[in-house]
Amino acid sequence: MIEKLDRSAGKMVGYKISGKLHDEDYKKFVPEIEAVIEKEGPVRVLLVMRDFHGWDLHAAWDDLKFDIKHYKDLERIAMVGENKWEEWMTKLSKPFIKGNVRYFDSHELEEAWKWLES
């Protein structure tokens, strides 16, 4: 499930990601963030992973297509997680995104927002 965070404003958008992501999640998420990109230009994204279990195959494909299509539109991505594999996932995503990508532990949520704002 992907839920937009209330603190999202302008070109800074935040989402809470939980459970296992499916194609239906991307059908909601992609148009939302593409609207922000169209209005604001390159975006800064915060992804808070809570009880996250990854993607089904279709959602993984959706994610890769989004990253490639918006390679230049993602200025910064802060990934806030709870597990070591989520930190590794952050490192693996770097070649697909032109902007800066950084991992934060779950207790560093405020620091992640500040990094996006700087």
PDB file of N, CA and C in Angstrom:
ATOM      1  N   MET A   1       0.841  -1.169   0.000  1.00  0.00           N
ATOM      2  CA  MET A   1       0.000   0.000   0.000  1.00  0.00           C
ATOM      3  C   MET A   1       0.894   1.243   0.000  1.00  0.00           C
ATOM      4  N   ILE A   2       0.496   2.256  -0.753  1.00  0.00           N
ATOM      5  CA  ILE A   2       1.199   3.531  -0.801  1.00  0.00           C
ATOM      6  C   ILE A   2       0.237   4.612  -0.331  1.00  0.00           C
ATOM      7  N   GLU A   3       0.647   5.367   0.693  1.00  0.00           N
ATOM      8  CA  GLU A   3      -0.180   6.444   1.227  1.00  0.00           C
ATOM      9  C   GLU A   3       0.613   7.749   1.190  1.00  0.00           C
ATOM     10  N   LYS A   4       0.023   8.789   0.618  1.00  0.00           N
ATOM     11  CA  LYS A   4       0.676  10.097   0.575  1.00  0.00           C
ATOM     12  C   LYS A   4       0.687  10.710   1.973  1.00  0.00           C
ATOM     13  N   LEU A   5       1.826  11.286   2.344  1.00  0.00           N
ATOM     14  CA  LEU A   5       1.974  11.899   3.662  1.00  0.00           C
ATOM     15  C   LEU A   5       1.474  13.337   3.645  1.00  0.00           C
ATOM     16  N   ASP A   6       0.864  13.759   4.734  1.00  0.00           N
ATOM     17  CA  ASP A   6       0.290  15.101   4.839  1.00  0.00           C
ATOM     18  C   ASP A   6       1.335  16.199   4.699  1.00  0.00           C
ATOM     19  N   ARG A   7       2.556  15.921   5.048  1.00  0.00           N
ATOM     20  CA  ARG A   7       3.615  16.933   5.004  1.00  0.00           C
ATOM     21  C   ARG A   7       4.057  17.269   3.571  1.00  0.00           C
ATOM     22  N   SER A   8       3.573  16.549   2.592  1.00  0.00           N
ATOM     23  CA  SER A   8       3.914  16.806   1.195  1.00  0.00           C
ATOM     24  C   SER A   8       3.475  18.210   0.803  1.00  0.00           C
ATOM     25  N   ALA A   9       4.368  18.919   0.108  1.00  0.00           N
ATOM     26  CA  ALA A   9       4.046  20.279  -0.342  1.00  0.00           C
ATOM     27  C   ALA A   9       4.976  20.663  -1.482  1.00  0.00           C
ATOM     28  N   GLY A  10       4.402  21.295  -2.514  1.00  0.00           N
ATOM     29  CA  GLY A  10       5.215  21.737  -3.638  1.00  0.00           C
ATOM     30  C   GLY A  10       5.925  20.565  -4.284  1.00  0.00           C
ATOM     31  N   LYS A  11       7.235  20.749  -4.490  1.00  0.00           N
ATOM     32  CA  LYS A  11       7.993  19.689  -5.157  1.00  0.00           C
ATOM     33  C   LYS A  11       8.491  18.607  -4.191  1.00  0.00           C
ATOM     34  N   MET A  12       8.144  18.732  -2.919  1.00  0.00           N
ATOM     35  CA  MET A  12       8.508  17.712  -1.934  1.00  0.00           C
ATOM     36  C   MET A  12       7.288  16.853  -1.638  1.00  0.00           C
ATOM     37  N   VAL A  13       7.402  15.560  -1.958  1.00  0.00           N
ATOM     38  CA  VAL A  13       6.294  14.641  -1.708  1.00  0.00           C
ATOM     39  C   VAL A  13       6.782  13.454  -0.890  1.00  0.00           C
ATOM     40  N   GLY A  14       5.958  13.045   0.032  1.00  0.00           N
ATOM     41  CA  GLY A  14       6.298  11.917   0.880  1.00  0.00           C
ATOM     42  C   GLY A  14       5.226  10.848   0.813  1.00  0.00           C
ATOM     43  N   TYR A  15       5.677   9.605   0.915  1.00  0.00           N
ATOM     44  CA  TYR A  15       4.761   8.473   0.877  1.00  0.00           C
ATOM     45  C   TYR A  15       5.170   7.451   1.926  1.00  0.00           C
ATOM     46  N   LYS A  16       4.183   6.837   2.535  1.00  0.00           N
ATOM     47  CA  LYS A  16       4.407   5.694   3.414  1.00  0.00           C
ATOM     48  C   LYS A  16       4.120   4.447   2.584  1.00  0.00           C
ATOM     49  N   ILE A  17       5.053   3.521   2.606  1.00  0.00           N
ATOM     50  CA  ILE A  17       4.927   2.279   1.853  1.00  0.00           C
ATOM     51  C   ILE A  17       4.877   1.131   2.853  1.00  0.00           C
ATOM     52  N   SER A  18       3.862   0.284   2.725  1.00  0.00           N
ATOM     53  CA  SER A  18       3.742  -0.855   3.643  1.00  0.00           C
ATOM     54  C   SER A  18       3.183  -2.057   2.900  1.00  0.00           C
ATOM     55  N   GLY A  19       3.382  -3.216   3.506  1.00  0.00           N
ATOM     56  CA  GLY A  19       2.899  -4.444   2.900  1.00  0.00           C
ATOM     57  C   GLY A  19       3.648  -4.754   1.619  1.00  0.00           C
ATOM     58  N   LYS A  20       2.996  -5.437   0.720  1.00  0.00           N
ATOM     59  CA  LYS A  20       3.570  -5.775  -0.574  1.00  0.00           C
ATOM     60  C   LYS A  20       2.920  -4.889  -1.631  1.00  0.00           C
ATOM     61  N   LEU A  21       3.743  -4.271  -2.479  1.00  0.00           N
ATOM     62  CA  LEU A  21       3.207  -3.380  -3.507  1.00  0.00           C
ATOM     63  C   LEU A  21       2.731  -4.172  -4.715  1.00  0.00           C
ATOM     64  N   HIS A  22       1.614  -3.686  -5.286  1.00  0.00           N
ATOM     65  CA  HIS A  22       0.990  -4.314  -6.445  1.00  0.00           C
ATOM     66  C   HIS A  22       0.803  -3.267  -7.532  1.00  0.00           C
ATOM     67  N   ASP A  23       0.482  -3.730  -8.724  1.00  0.00           N
ATOM     68  CA  ASP A  23       0.241  -2.845  -9.865  1.00  0.00           C
ATOM     69  C   ASP A  23      -0.787  -1.762  -9.530  1.00  0.00           C
ATOM     70  N   GLU A  24      -1.814  -2.108  -8.772  1.00  0.00           N
ATOM     71  CA  GLU A  24      -2.862  -1.146  -8.415  1.00  0.00           C
ATOM     72  C   GLU A  24      -2.282   0.034  -7.631  1.00  0.00           C
ATOM     73  N   ASP A  25      -1.275  -0.234  -6.807  1.00  0.00           N
ATOM     74  CA  ASP A  25      -0.633   0.848  -6.053  1.00  0.00           C
ATOM     75  C   ASP A  25       0.030   1.847  -6.997  1.00  0.00           C
ATOM     76  N   TYR A  26       0.684   1.339  -8.037  1.00  0.00           N
ATOM     77  CA  TYR A  26       1.363   2.220  -8.987  1.00  0.00           C
ATOM     78  C   TYR A  26       0.368   2.978  -9.860  1.00  0.00           C
ATOM     79  N   LYS A  27      -0.789   2.402 -10.106  1.00  0.00           N
ATOM     80  CA  LYS A  27      -1.812   3.106 -10.888  1.00  0.00           C
ATOM     81  C   LYS A  27      -2.313   4.344 -10.146  1.00  0.00           C
ATOM     82  N   LYS A  28      -2.174   4.346  -8.845  1.00  0.00           N
ATOM     83  CA  LYS A  28      -2.539   5.520  -8.042  1.00  0.00           C
ATOM     84  C   LYS A  28      -1.338   6.457  -7.878  1.00  0.00           C
ATOM     85  N   PHE A  29      -0.196   5.895  -7.528  1.00  0.00           N
ATOM     86  CA  PHE A  29       1.007   6.668  -7.224  1.00  0.00           C
ATOM     87  C   PHE A  29       1.561   7.420  -8.440  1.00  0.00           C
ATOM     88  N   VAL A  30       1.692   6.739  -9.567  1.00  0.00           N
ATOM     89  CA  VAL A  30       2.348   7.335 -10.735  1.00  0.00           C
ATOM     90  C   VAL A  30       1.631   8.595 -11.220  1.00  0.00           C
ATOM     91  N   PRO A  31       0.312   8.591 -11.434  1.00  0.00           N
ATOM     92  CA  PRO A  31      -0.335   9.834 -11.876  1.00  0.00           C
ATOM     93  C   PRO A  31      -0.187  10.981 -10.866  1.00  0.00           C
ATOM     94  N   GLU A  32      -0.217  10.659  -9.572  1.00  0.00           N
ATOM     95  CA  GLU A  32      -0.039  11.695  -8.544  1.00  0.00           C
ATOM     96  C   GLU A  32       1.310  12.373  -8.671  1.00  0.00           C
ATOM     97  N   ILE A  33       2.357  11.586  -8.735  1.00  0.00           N
ATOM     98  CA  ILE A  33       3.696  12.165  -8.757  1.00  0.00           C
ATOM     99  C   ILE A  33       4.004  12.799 -10.116  1.00  0.00           C
ATOM    100  N   GLU A  34       3.449  12.244 -11.195  1.00  0.00           N
ATOM    101  CA  GLU A  34       3.642  12.859 -12.513  1.00  0.00           C
ATOM    102  C   GLU A  34       2.964  14.225 -12.575  1.00  0.00           C
ATOM    103  N   ALA A  35       1.846  14.398 -11.891  1.00  0.00           N
ATOM    104  CA  ALA A  35       1.187  15.706 -11.833  1.00  0.00           C
ATOM    105  C   ALA A  35       2.078  16.717 -11.107  1.00  0.00           C
ATOM    106  N   VAL A  36       2.733  16.297 -10.050  1.00  0.00           N
ATOM    107  CA  VAL A  36       3.648  17.181  -9.318  1.00  0.00           C
ATOM    108  C   VAL A  36       4.839  17.537 -10.208  1.00  0.00           C
ATOM    109  N   ILE A  37       5.388  16.565 -10.917  1.00  0.00           N
ATOM    110  CA  ILE A  37       6.521  16.817 -11.820  1.00  0.00           C
ATOM    111  C   ILE A  37       6.119  17.814 -12.898  1.00  0.00           C
ATOM    112  N   GLU A  38       4.937  17.645 -13.463  1.00  0.00           N
ATOM    113  CA  GLU A  38       4.464  18.548 -14.510  1.00  0.00           C
ATOM    114  C   GLU A  38       4.314  19.972 -13.984  1.00  0.00           C
ATOM    115  N   LYS A  39       3.842  20.112 -12.765  1.00  0.00           N
ATOM    116  CA  LYS A  39       3.607  21.431 -12.173  1.00  0.00           C
ATOM    117  C   LYS A  39       4.879  22.057 -11.609  1.00  0.00           C
ATOM    118  N   GLU A  40       5.707  21.258 -10.916  1.00  0.00           N
ATOM    119  CA  GLU A  40       6.843  21.788 -10.155  1.00  0.00           C
ATOM    120  C   GLU A  40       8.202  21.552 -10.793  1.00  0.00           C
ATOM    121  N   GLY A  41       8.284  20.660 -11.766  1.00  0.00           N
ATOM    122  CA  GLY A  41       9.590  20.257 -12.291  1.00  0.00           C
ATOM    123  C   GLY A  41      10.144  19.121 -11.449  1.00  0.00           C
ATOM    124  N   PRO A  42      11.477  18.959 -11.445  1.00  0.00           N
ATOM    125  CA  PRO A  42      12.058  17.848 -10.672  1.00  0.00           C
ATOM    126  C   PRO A  42      11.585  17.851  -9.222  1.00  0.00           C
ATOM    127  N   VAL A  43      11.309  16.647  -8.718  1.00  0.00           N
ATOM    128  CA  VAL A  43      10.729  16.489  -7.388  1.00  0.00           C
ATOM    129  C   VAL A  43      11.732  15.902  -6.406  1.00  0.00           C
ATOM    130  N   ARG A  44      11.399  16.079  -5.131  1.00  0.00           N
ATOM    131  CA  ARG A  44      12.139  15.473  -4.029  1.00  0.00           C
ATOM    132  C   ARG A  44      11.157  14.570  -3.305  1.00  0.00           C
ATOM    133  N   VAL A  45      11.525  13.307  -3.168  1.00  0.00           N
ATOM    134  CA  VAL A  45      10.599  12.291  -2.685  1.00  0.00           C
ATOM    135  C   VAL A  45      11.118  11.647  -1.401  1.00  0.00           C
ATOM    136  N   LEU A  46      10.228  11.515  -0.433  1.00  0.00           N
ATOM    137  CA  LEU A  46      10.514  10.789   0.803  1.00  0.00           C
ATOM    138  C   LEU A  46       9.679   9.518   0.789  1.00  0.00           C
ATOM    139  N   LEU A  47      10.324   8.376   0.975  1.00  0.00           N
ATOM    140  CA  LEU A  47       9.627   7.097   1.038  1.00  0.00           C
ATOM    141  C   LEU A  47       9.870   6.490   2.411  1.00  0.00           C
ATOM    142  N   VAL A  48       8.805   6.372   3.186  1.00  0.00           N
ATOM    143  CA  VAL A  48       8.887   5.779   4.522  1.00  0.00           C
ATOM    144  C   VAL A  48       8.402   4.340   4.407  1.00  0.00           C
ATOM    145  N   MET A  49       9.309   3.409   4.618  1.00  0.00           N
ATOM    146  CA  MET A  49       8.977   1.987   4.505  1.00  0.00           C
ATOM    147  C   MET A  49       8.698   1.429   5.894  1.00  0.00           C
ATOM    148  N   ARG A  50       7.439   1.066   6.130  1.00  0.00           N
ATOM    149  CA  ARG A  50       7.009   0.493   7.405  1.00  0.00           C
ATOM    150  C   ARG A  50       6.373  -0.865   7.130  1.00  0.00           C
ATOM    151  N   ASP A  51       6.915  -1.897   7.713  1.00  0.00           N
ATOM    152  CA  ASP A  51       6.398  -3.239   7.492  1.00  0.00           C
ATOM    153  C   ASP A  51       6.278  -3.535   5.996  1.00  0.00           C
ATOM    154  N   PHE A  52       7.315  -3.125   5.253  1.00  0.00           N
ATOM    155  CA  PHE A  52       7.347  -3.256   3.795  1.00  0.00           C
ATOM    156  C   PHE A  52       7.837  -4.650   3.421  1.00  0.00           C
ATOM    157  N   HIS A  53       7.122  -5.284   2.467  1.00  0.00           N
ATOM    158  CA  HIS A  53       7.448  -6.653   2.063  1.00  0.00           C
ATOM    159  C   HIS A  53       7.825  -6.760   0.594  1.00  0.00           C
ATOM    160  N   GLY A  54       8.152  -5.635  -0.042  1.00  0.00           N
ATOM    161  CA  GLY A  54       8.597  -5.674  -1.429  1.00  0.00           C
ATOM    162  C   GLY A  54       7.471  -5.522  -2.434  1.00  0.00           C
ATOM    163  N   TRP A  55       7.714  -6.050  -3.630  1.00  0.00           N
ATOM    164  CA  TRP A  55       6.811  -5.886  -4.758  1.00  0.00           C
ATOM    165  C   TRP A  55       6.416  -7.230  -5.322  1.00  0.00           C
ATOM    166  N   ASP A  56       5.231  -7.267  -5.931  1.00  0.00           N
ATOM    167  CA  ASP A  56       4.956  -8.413  -6.778  1.00  0.00           C
ATOM    168  C   ASP A  56       5.652  -8.122  -8.118  1.00  0.00           C
ATOM    169  N   LEU A  57       5.697  -9.080  -9.007  1.00  0.00           N
ATOM    170  CA  LEU A  57       6.455  -8.939 -10.242  1.00  0.00           C
ATOM    171  C   LEU A  57       5.993  -7.748 -11.084  1.00  0.00           C
ATOM    172  N   HIS A  58       4.696  -7.581 -11.214  1.00  0.00           N
ATOM    173  CA  HIS A  58       4.161  -6.481 -12.031  1.00  0.00           C
ATOM    174  C   HIS A  58       4.524  -5.134 -11.422  1.00  0.00           C
ATOM    175  N   ALA A  59       4.435  -5.004 -10.116  1.00  0.00           N
ATOM    176  CA  ALA A  59       4.777  -3.754  -9.443  1.00  0.00           C
ATOM    177  C   ALA A  59       6.274  -3.458  -9.555  1.00  0.00           C
ATOM    178  N   ALA A  60       7.114  -4.484  -9.499  1.00  0.00           N
ATOM    179  CA  ALA A  60       8.559  -4.279  -9.666  1.00  0.00           C
ATOM    180  C   ALA A  60       8.847  -3.725 -11.060  1.00  0.00           C
ATOM    181  N   TRP A  61       8.138  -4.240 -12.059  1.00  0.00           N
ATOM    182  CA  TRP A  61       8.275  -3.742 -13.425  1.00  0.00           C
ATOM    183  C   TRP A  61       7.776  -2.291 -13.504  1.00  0.00           C
ATOM    184  N   ASP A  62       6.647  -1.999 -12.880  1.00  0.00           N
ATOM    185  CA  ASP A  62       6.121  -0.630 -12.843  1.00  0.00           C
ATOM    186  C   ASP A  62       7.146   0.326 -12.232  1.00  0.00           C
ATOM    187  N   ASP A  63       7.792  -0.116 -11.158  1.00  0.00           N
ATOM    188  CA  ASP A  63       8.772   0.716 -10.469  1.00  0.00           C
ATOM    189  C   ASP A  63       9.965   1.006 -11.372  1.00  0.00           C
ATOM    190  N   LEU A  64      10.475  -0.006 -12.040  1.00  0.00           N
ATOM    191  CA  LEU A  64      11.612   0.177 -12.939  1.00  0.00           C
ATOM    192  C   LEU A  64      11.249   1.111 -14.097  1.00  0.00           C
ATOM    193  N   LYS A  65      10.074   0.922 -14.693  1.00  0.00           N
ATOM    194  CA  LYS A  65       9.627   1.801 -15.790  1.00  0.00           C
ATOM    195  C   LYS A  65       9.532   3.244 -15.317  1.00  0.00           C
ATOM    196  N   PHE A  66       8.999   3.454 -14.122  1.00  0.00           N
ATOM    197  CA  PHE A  66       8.875   4.810 -13.582  1.00  0.00           C
ATOM    198  C   PHE A  66      10.255   5.444 -13.409  1.00  0.00           C
ATOM    199  N   ASP A  67      11.193   4.702 -12.821  1.00  0.00           N
ATOM    200  CA  ASP A  67      12.537   5.237 -12.595  1.00  0.00           C
ATOM    201  C   ASP A  67      13.224   5.601 -13.899  1.00  0.00           C
ATOM    202  N   ILE A  68      13.085   4.774 -14.917  1.00  0.00           N
ATOM    203  CA  ILE A  68      13.718   5.054 -16.210  1.00  0.00           C
ATOM    204  C   ILE A  68      13.061   6.252 -16.878  1.00  0.00           C
ATOM    205  N   LYS A  69      11.745   6.292 -16.891  1.00  0.00           N
ATOM    206  CA  LYS A  69      11.017   7.391 -17.523  1.00  0.00           C
ATOM    207  C   LYS A  69      11.330   8.724 -16.845  1.00  0.00           C
ATOM    208  N   HIS A  70      11.477   8.702 -15.530  1.00  0.00           N
ATOM    209  CA  HIS A  70      11.668   9.939 -14.776  1.00  0.00           C
ATOM    210  C   HIS A  70      13.086  10.072 -14.229  1.00  0.00           C
ATOM    211  N   TYR A  71      14.031   9.517 -14.943  1.00  0.00           N
ATOM    212  CA  TYR A  71      15.442   9.533 -14.536  1.00  0.00           C
ATOM    213  C   TYR A  71      15.908  10.936 -14.131  1.00  0.00           C
ATOM    214  N   LYS A  72      15.540  11.947 -14.915  1.00  0.00           N
ATOM    215  CA  LYS A  72      15.975  13.323 -14.654  1.00  0.00           C
ATOM    216  C   LYS A  72      14.999  14.103 -13.780  1.00  0.00           C
ATOM    217  N   ASP A  73      13.854  13.546 -13.489  1.00  0.00           N
ATOM    218  CA  ASP A  73      12.810  14.257 -12.741  1.00  0.00           C
ATOM    219  C   ASP A  73      12.865  14.028 -11.242  1.00  0.00           C
ATOM    220  N   LEU A  74      13.753  13.151 -10.790  1.00  0.00           N
ATOM    221  CA  LEU A  74      13.860  12.825  -9.370  1.00  0.00           C
ATOM    222  C   LEU A  74      15.127  13.477  -8.828  1.00  0.00           C
ATOM    223  N   GLU A  75      14.945  14.644  -8.224  1.00  0.00           N
ATOM    224  CA  GLU A  75      16.076  15.443  -7.755  1.00  0.00           C
ATOM    225  C   GLU A  75      16.744  14.828  -6.523  1.00  0.00           C
ATOM    226  N   ARG A  76      15.932  14.393  -5.579  1.00  0.00           N
ATOM    227  CA  ARG A  76      16.418  13.728  -4.370  1.00  0.00           C
ATOM    228  C   ARG A  76      15.388  12.702  -3.924  1.00  0.00           C
ATOM    229  N   ILE A  77      15.895  11.594  -3.418  1.00  0.00           N
ATOM    230  CA  ILE A  77      15.013  10.590  -2.834  1.00  0.00           C
ATOM    231  C   ILE A  77      15.599  10.198  -1.485  1.00  0.00           C
ATOM    232  N   ALA A  78      14.789  10.373  -0.456  1.00  0.00           N
ATOM    233  CA  ALA A  78      15.147   9.932   0.890  1.00  0.00           C
ATOM    234  C   ALA A  78      14.334   8.686   1.186  1.00  0.00           C
ATOM    235  N   MET A  79      15.021   7.595   1.472  1.00  0.00           N
ATOM    236  CA  MET A  79      14.351   6.341   1.781  1.00  0.00           C
ATOM    237  C   MET A  79      14.561   6.042   3.259  1.00  0.00           C
ATOM    238  N   VAL A  80      13.466   5.954   3.987  1.00  0.00           N
ATOM    239  CA  VAL A  80      13.503   5.727   5.430  1.00  0.00           C
ATOM    240  C   VAL A  80      13.007   4.317   5.690  1.00  0.00           C
ATOM    241  N   GLY A  81      13.871   3.489   6.286  1.00  0.00           N
ATOM    242  CA  GLY A  81      13.491   2.094   6.446  1.00  0.00           C
ATOM    243  C   GLY A  81      13.863   1.493   7.783  1.00  0.00           C
ATOM    244  N   GLU A  82      13.529   0.220   7.891  1.00  0.00           N
ATOM    245  CA  GLU A  82      13.702  -0.521   9.142  1.00  0.00           C
ATOM    246  C   GLU A  82      14.658  -1.700   9.000  1.00  0.00           C
ATOM    247  N   ASN A  83      14.979  -2.079   7.763  1.00  0.00           N
ATOM    248  CA  ASN A  83      15.716  -3.318   7.529  1.00  0.00           C
ATOM    249  C   ASN A  83      16.952  -3.091   6.668  1.00  0.00           C
ATOM    250  N   LYS A  84      17.932  -3.932   6.868  1.00  0.00           N
ATOM    251  CA  LYS A  84      19.179  -3.837   6.108  1.00  0.00           C
ATOM    252  C   LYS A  84      18.934  -3.990   4.611  1.00  0.00           C
ATOM    253  N   TRP A  85      18.012  -4.872   4.215  1.00  0.00           N
ATOM    254  CA  TRP A  85      17.763  -5.062   2.792  1.00  0.00           C
ATOM    255  C   TRP A  85      17.191  -3.801   2.146  1.00  0.00           C
ATOM    256  N   GLU A  86      16.486  -2.983   2.930  1.00  0.00           N
ATOM    257  CA  GLU A  86      15.957  -1.724   2.390  1.00  0.00           C
ATOM    258  C   GLU A  86      17.101  -0.745   2.126  1.00  0.00           C
ATOM    259  N   GLU A  87      18.112  -0.783   2.980  1.00  0.00           N
ATOM    260  CA  GLU A  87      19.296   0.052   2.748  1.00  0.00           C
ATOM    261  C   GLU A  87      20.024  -0.407   1.481  1.00  0.00           C
ATOM    262  N   TRP A  88      20.161  -1.702   1.286  1.00  0.00           N
ATOM    263  CA  TRP A  88      20.787  -2.224   0.071  1.00  0.00           C
ATOM    264  C   TRP A  88      19.974  -1.844  -1.160  1.00  0.00           C
ATOM    265  N   MET A  89      18.652  -1.896  -1.044  1.00  0.00           N
ATOM    266  CA  MET A  89      17.775  -1.533  -2.145  1.00  0.00           C
ATOM    267  C   MET A  89      18.015  -0.079  -2.554  1.00  0.00           C
ATOM    268  N   THR A  90      18.264   0.779  -1.576  1.00  0.00           N
ATOM    269  CA  THR A  90      18.557   2.185  -1.855  1.00  0.00           C
ATOM    270  C   THR A  90      19.817   2.281  -2.713  1.00  0.00           C
ATOM    271  N   LYS A  91      20.841   1.560  -2.348  1.00  0.00           N
ATOM    272  CA  LYS A  91      22.096   1.577  -3.108  1.00  0.00           C
ATOM    273  C   LYS A  91      21.898   1.034  -4.518  1.00  0.00           C
ATOM    274  N   LEU A  92      21.103  -0.002  -4.655  1.00  0.00           N
ATOM    275  CA  LEU A  92      20.857  -0.594  -5.970  1.00  0.00           C
ATOM    276  C   LEU A  92      20.067   0.335  -6.895  1.00  0.00           C
ATOM    277  N   SER A  93      19.277   1.235  -6.338  1.00  0.00           N
ATOM    278  CA  SER A  93      18.450   2.124  -7.156  1.00  0.00           C
ATOM    279  C   SER A  93      19.238   3.300  -7.742  1.00  0.00           C
ATOM    280  N   LYS A  94      20.404   3.602  -7.204  1.00  0.00           N
ATOM    281  CA  LYS A  94      21.167   4.783  -7.616  1.00  0.00           C
ATOM    282  C   LYS A  94      21.461   4.866  -9.115  1.00  0.00           C
ATOM    283  N   PRO A  95      21.812   3.780  -9.803  1.00  0.00           N
ATOM    284  CA  PRO A  95      22.090   3.907 -11.241  1.00  0.00           C
ATOM    285  C   PRO A  95      20.875   4.313 -12.080  1.00  0.00           C
ATOM    286  N   PHE A  96      19.676   4.139 -11.546  1.00  0.00           N
ATOM    287  CA  PHE A  96      18.459   4.416 -12.301  1.00  0.00           C
ATOM    288  C   PHE A  96      17.903   5.813 -12.044  1.00  0.00           C
ATOM    289  N   ILE A  97      18.578   6.578 -11.196  1.00  0.00           N
ATOM    290  CA  ILE A  97      18.085   7.896 -10.802  1.00  0.00           C
ATOM    291  C   ILE A  97      19.226   8.895 -10.889  1.00  0.00           C
ATOM    292  N   LYS A  98      19.008   9.983 -11.617  1.00  0.00           N
ATOM    293  CA  LYS A  98      20.059  10.986 -11.780  1.00  0.00           C
ATOM    294  C   LYS A  98      20.324  11.740 -10.477  1.00  0.00           C
ATOM    295  N   GLY A  99      19.289  11.997  -9.704  1.00  0.00           N
ATOM    296  CA  GLY A  99      19.420  12.766  -8.473  1.00  0.00           C
ATOM    297  C   GLY A  99      20.070  11.983  -7.348  1.00  0.00           C
ATOM    298  N   ASN A 100      20.167  12.620  -6.210  1.00  0.00           N
ATOM    299  CA  ASN A 100      20.758  12.001  -5.024  1.00  0.00           C
ATOM    300  C   ASN A 100      19.752  11.076  -4.350  1.00  0.00           C
ATOM    301  N   VAL A 101      20.237   9.929  -3.915  1.00  0.00           N
ATOM    302  CA  VAL A 101      19.421   8.960  -3.187  1.00  0.00           C
ATOM    303  C   VAL A 101      20.145   8.663  -1.879  1.00  0.00           C
ATOM    304  N   ARG A 102      19.406   8.731  -0.780  1.00  0.00           N
ATOM    305  CA  ARG A 102      20.034   8.504   0.525  1.00  0.00           C
ATOM    306  C   ARG A 102      19.101   7.689   1.415  1.00  0.00           C
ATOM    307  N   TYR A 103      19.690   6.787   2.186  1.00  0.00           N
ATOM    308  CA  TYR A 103      18.948   5.950   3.115  1.00  0.00           C
ATOM    309  C   TYR A 103      19.046   6.537   4.524  1.00  0.00           C
ATOM    310  N   PHE A 104      17.930   6.478   5.246  1.00  0.00           N
ATOM    311  CA  PHE A 104      17.868   6.898   6.648  1.00  0.00           C
ATOM    312  C   PHE A 104      17.207   5.780   7.446  1.00  0.00           C
ATOM    313  N   ASP A 105      17.704   5.540   8.646  1.00  0.00           N
ATOM    314  CA  ASP A 105      17.045   4.589   9.535  1.00  0.00           C
ATOM    315  C   ASP A 105      15.714   5.168  10.005  1.00  0.00           C
ATOM    316  N   SER A 106      14.830   4.314  10.455  1.00  0.00           N
ATOM    317  CA  SER A 106      13.469   4.739  10.815  1.00  0.00           C
ATOM    318  C   SER A 106      13.437   5.845  11.873  1.00  0.00           C
ATOM    319  N   HIS A 107      14.407   5.892  12.765  1.00  0.00           N
ATOM    320  CA  HIS A 107      14.428   6.937  13.796  1.00  0.00           C
ATOM    321  C   HIS A 107      14.948   8.276  13.255  1.00  0.00           C
ATOM    322  N   GLU A 108      15.341   8.330  11.980  1.00  0.00           N
ATOM    323  CA  GLU A 108      15.883   9.547  11.376  1.00  0.00           C
ATOM    324  C   GLU A 108      14.905  10.237  10.420  1.00  0.00           C
ATOM    325  N   LEU A 109      13.624  10.044  10.640  1.00  0.00           N
ATOM    326  CA  LEU A 109      12.612  10.595   9.738  1.00  0.00           C
ATOM    327  C   LEU A 109      12.733  12.117   9.607  1.00  0.00           C
ATOM    328  N   GLU A 110      12.863  12.822  10.709  1.00  0.00           N
ATOM    329  CA  GLU A 110      12.956  14.282  10.647  1.00  0.00           C
ATOM    330  C   GLU A 110      14.223  14.712   9.897  1.00  0.00           C
ATOM    331  N   GLU A 111      15.305  14.009  10.115  1.00  0.00           N
ATOM    332  CA  GLU A 111      16.553  14.302   9.406  1.00  0.00           C
ATOM    333  C   GLU A 111      16.371  14.098   7.897  1.00  0.00           C
ATOM    334  N   ALA A 112      15.610  13.089   7.513  1.00  0.00           N
ATOM    335  CA  ALA A 112      15.341  12.831   6.093  1.00  0.00           C
ATOM    336  C   ALA A 112      14.559  13.986   5.466  1.00  0.00           C
ATOM    337  N   TRP A 113      13.541  14.476   6.155  1.00  0.00           N
ATOM    338  CA  TRP A 113      12.785  15.633   5.656  1.00  0.00           C
ATOM    339  C   TRP A 113      13.716  16.837   5.509  1.00  0.00           C
ATOM    340  N   LYS A 114      14.562  17.083   6.498  1.00  0.00           N
ATOM    341  CA  LYS A 114      15.486  18.230   6.440  1.00  0.00           C
ATOM    342  C   LYS A 114      16.445  18.101   5.268  1.00  0.00           C
ATOM    343  N   TRP A 115      16.919  16.884   5.011  1.00  0.00           N
ATOM    344  CA  TRP A 115      17.819  16.664   3.880  1.00  0.00           C
ATOM    345  C   TRP A 115      17.104  16.987   2.569  1.00  0.00           C
ATOM    346  N   LEU A 116      15.850  16.610   2.447  1.00  0.00           N
ATOM    347  CA  LEU A 116      15.094  16.940   1.239  1.00  0.00           C
ATOM    348  C   LEU A 116      14.945  18.444   1.065  1.00  0.00           C
ATOM    349  N   GLU A 117      14.739  19.135   2.160  1.00  0.00           N
ATOM    350  CA  GLU A 117      14.515  20.582   2.118  1.00  0.00           C
ATOM    351  C   GLU A 117      15.787  21.370   1.808  1.00  0.00           C
ATOM    352  N   SER A 118      16.953  20.805   2.111  1.00  0.00           N
ATOM    353  CA  SER A 118      18.213  21.556   1.956  1.00  0.00           C
ATOM    354  C   SER A 118      18.649  21.682   0.513  1.00  0.00           C
TER     355      SER A 118
END
